Amino acid sequence: MAYSAPRMNPRPSGRRHPLVATAMVLPLATLLVVAFGGWDAVVTQASSVGVMLGR
């Protein structure tokens, strides 16, 4: 019977800290907002959701 070597997991199991996740996402989000002029769209969508929820 052949034995396989244990798998080496490069990342520890568990969840990533929210600040680390935010730091990873912000550069891409900023690039997309600048590239597509998305700030107005975000404000419009947030406003629409607020009206829909009755705020």
N, C-alpha and C. Protein backbone atom coordinates (compact mmCIF):
# COMPACT_ATOMS: atom_id res chain seq x y z
N MET A 1 0.84 -1.17 0.00
CA MET A 1 0.00 0.00 0.00
C MET A 1 0.90 1.24 0.00
N ALA A 2 0.57 2.19 -0.88
CA ALA A 2 1.38 3.41 -1.00
C ALA A 2 0.84 4.48 -0.06
N TYR A 3 1.77 5.14 0.59
CA TYR A 3 1.40 6.24 1.47
C TYR A 3 1.73 7.55 0.79
N SER A 4 0.79 8.49 0.83
CA SER A 4 1.07 9.80 0.22
C SER A 4 1.54 10.75 1.31
N ALA A 5 2.33 11.70 0.89
CA ALA A 5 2.84 12.69 1.82
C ALA A 5 1.70 13.61 2.26
N PRO A 6 1.74 14.08 3.48
CA PRO A 6 0.68 15.00 3.91
C PRO A 6 0.72 16.28 3.09
N ARG A 7 -0.45 16.81 2.82
CA ARG A 7 -0.55 18.04 2.03
C ARG A 7 -0.10 19.22 2.87
N MET A 8 0.64 20.08 2.25
CA MET A 8 1.09 21.29 2.94
C MET A 8 0.17 22.42 2.54
N ASN A 9 -0.49 23.00 3.50
CA ASN A 9 -1.41 24.09 3.25
C ASN A 9 -0.65 25.41 3.43
N PRO A 10 -0.46 26.20 2.38
CA PRO A 10 0.32 27.43 2.51
C PRO A 10 -0.36 28.49 3.38
N ARG A 11 -1.68 28.48 3.43
CA ARG A 11 -2.40 29.44 4.26
C ARG A 11 -2.96 28.74 5.48
N PRO A 12 -2.93 29.38 6.61
CA PRO A 12 -3.55 28.77 7.78
C PRO A 12 -5.06 28.75 7.60
N SER A 13 -5.68 27.72 8.13
CA SER A 13 -7.13 27.66 8.01
C SER A 13 -7.74 28.71 8.92
N GLY A 14 -8.90 29.13 8.59
CA GLY A 14 -9.56 30.16 9.38
C GLY A 14 -9.92 31.33 8.51
N ARG A 15 -10.41 32.36 9.17
CA ARG A 15 -10.86 33.52 8.42
C ARG A 15 -9.82 34.63 8.48
N ARG A 16 -9.86 35.44 7.46
CA ARG A 16 -8.96 36.59 7.36
C ARG A 16 -9.55 37.74 8.18
N HIS A 17 -8.70 38.53 8.79
CA HIS A 17 -9.16 39.68 9.57
C HIS A 17 -9.84 40.68 8.64
N PRO A 18 -10.94 41.27 9.07
CA PRO A 18 -11.67 42.20 8.20
C PRO A 18 -10.82 43.36 7.68
N LEU A 19 -9.89 43.87 8.49
CA LEU A 19 -9.05 44.97 8.01
C LEU A 19 -8.11 44.52 6.91
N VAL A 20 -7.63 43.29 7.00
CA VAL A 20 -6.76 42.76 5.94
C VAL A 20 -7.56 42.60 4.66
N ALA A 21 -8.77 42.08 4.77
CA ALA A 21 -9.63 41.91 3.59
C ALA A 21 -9.94 43.27 2.97
N THR A 22 -10.21 44.26 3.79
CA THR A 22 -10.50 45.60 3.29
C THR A 22 -9.29 46.19 2.57
N ALA A 23 -8.12 46.00 3.17
CA ALA A 23 -6.89 46.52 2.55
C ALA A 23 -6.61 45.85 1.21
N MET A 24 -7.03 44.61 1.06
CA MET A 24 -6.82 43.90 -0.20
C MET A 24 -7.80 44.38 -1.28
N VAL A 25 -9.00 44.75 -0.88
CA VAL A 25 -10.05 45.11 -1.84
C VAL A 25 -10.01 46.58 -2.25
N LEU A 26 -9.60 47.46 -1.34
CA LEU A 26 -9.65 48.90 -1.63
C LEU A 26 -8.91 49.34 -2.88
N PRO A 27 -7.69 48.85 -3.16
CA PRO A 27 -7.03 49.32 -4.39
C PRO A 27 -7.82 48.97 -5.66
N LEU A 28 -8.38 47.78 -5.72
CA LEU A 28 -9.17 47.41 -6.90
C LEU A 28 -10.46 48.22 -6.97
N ALA A 29 -11.10 48.41 -5.84
CA ALA A 29 -12.34 49.20 -5.82
C ALA A 29 -12.07 50.63 -6.26
N THR A 30 -10.97 51.20 -5.79
CA THR A 30 -10.61 52.56 -6.19
C THR A 30 -10.34 52.65 -7.68
N LEU A 31 -9.62 51.67 -8.20
CA LEU A 31 -9.34 51.65 -9.64
C LEU A 31 -10.63 51.57 -10.45
N LEU A 32 -11.56 50.74 -10.03
CA LEU A 32 -12.83 50.60 -10.76
C LEU A 32 -13.65 51.88 -10.69
N VAL A 33 -13.66 52.53 -9.54
CA VAL A 33 -14.42 53.78 -9.41
C VAL A 33 -13.83 54.85 -10.32
N VAL A 34 -12.50 54.95 -10.35
CA VAL A 34 -11.86 55.95 -11.19
C VAL A 34 -12.05 55.62 -12.67
N ALA A 35 -11.89 54.35 -13.02
CA ALA A 35 -11.95 53.94 -14.43
C ALA A 35 -13.35 54.11 -15.01
N PHE A 36 -14.38 53.84 -14.22
CA PHE A 36 -15.73 53.85 -14.75
C PHE A 36 -16.58 55.00 -14.22
N GLY A 37 -15.99 55.91 -13.45
CA GLY A 37 -16.76 57.02 -12.91
C GLY A 37 -17.89 56.52 -12.04
N GLY A 38 -17.61 55.54 -11.24
CA GLY A 38 -18.67 54.85 -10.51
C GLY A 38 -19.17 55.52 -9.26
N TRP A 39 -18.55 56.60 -8.80
CA TRP A 39 -18.99 57.20 -7.54
C TRP A 39 -20.43 57.68 -7.63
N ASP A 40 -20.79 58.31 -8.75
CA ASP A 40 -22.18 58.76 -8.91
C ASP A 40 -23.15 57.59 -8.91
N ALA A 41 -22.75 56.50 -9.54
CA ALA A 41 -23.61 55.31 -9.57
C ALA A 41 -23.79 54.74 -8.17
N VAL A 42 -22.74 54.72 -7.37
CA VAL A 42 -22.84 54.20 -6.00
C VAL A 42 -23.78 55.07 -5.18
N VAL A 43 -23.62 56.38 -5.29
CA VAL A 43 -24.50 57.29 -4.54
C VAL A 43 -25.94 57.13 -4.98
N THR A 44 -26.17 57.01 -6.27
CA THR A 44 -27.54 56.85 -6.79
C THR A 44 -28.16 55.55 -6.29
N GLN A 45 -27.39 54.46 -6.34
CA GLN A 45 -27.91 53.17 -5.89
C GLN A 45 -28.20 53.18 -4.39
N ALA A 46 -27.29 53.76 -3.61
CA ALA A 46 -27.50 53.83 -2.17
C ALA A 46 -28.74 54.65 -1.84
N SER A 47 -28.92 55.73 -2.56
CA SER A 47 -30.10 56.56 -2.36
C SER A 47 -31.37 55.79 -2.71
N SER A 48 -31.34 55.05 -3.81
CA SER A 48 -32.51 54.27 -4.22
C SER A 48 -32.85 53.20 -3.19
N VAL A 49 -31.84 52.54 -2.67
CA VAL A 49 -32.07 51.50 -1.66
C VAL A 49 -32.64 52.13 -0.39
N GLY A 50 -32.12 53.30 -0.02
CA GLY A 50 -32.64 53.99 1.15
C GLY A 50 -34.11 54.35 1.01
N VAL A 51 -34.48 54.83 -0.17
CA VAL A 51 -35.89 55.17 -0.42
C VAL A 51 -36.74 53.91 -0.39
N MET A 52 -36.24 52.84 -0.97
CA MET A 52 -36.99 51.58 -1.01
C MET A 52 -37.20 51.03 0.40
N LEU A 53 -36.23 51.22 1.28
CA LEU A 53 -36.34 50.72 2.65
C LEU A 53 -37.14 51.68 3.54
N GLY A 54 -37.48 52.83 2.99
CA GLY A 54 -38.31 53.78 3.73
C GLY A 54 -37.56 54.73 4.61
N ARG A 55 -36.31 54.97 4.30
CA ARG A 55 -35.53 55.93 5.12
C ARG A 55 -35.58 57.30 4.53
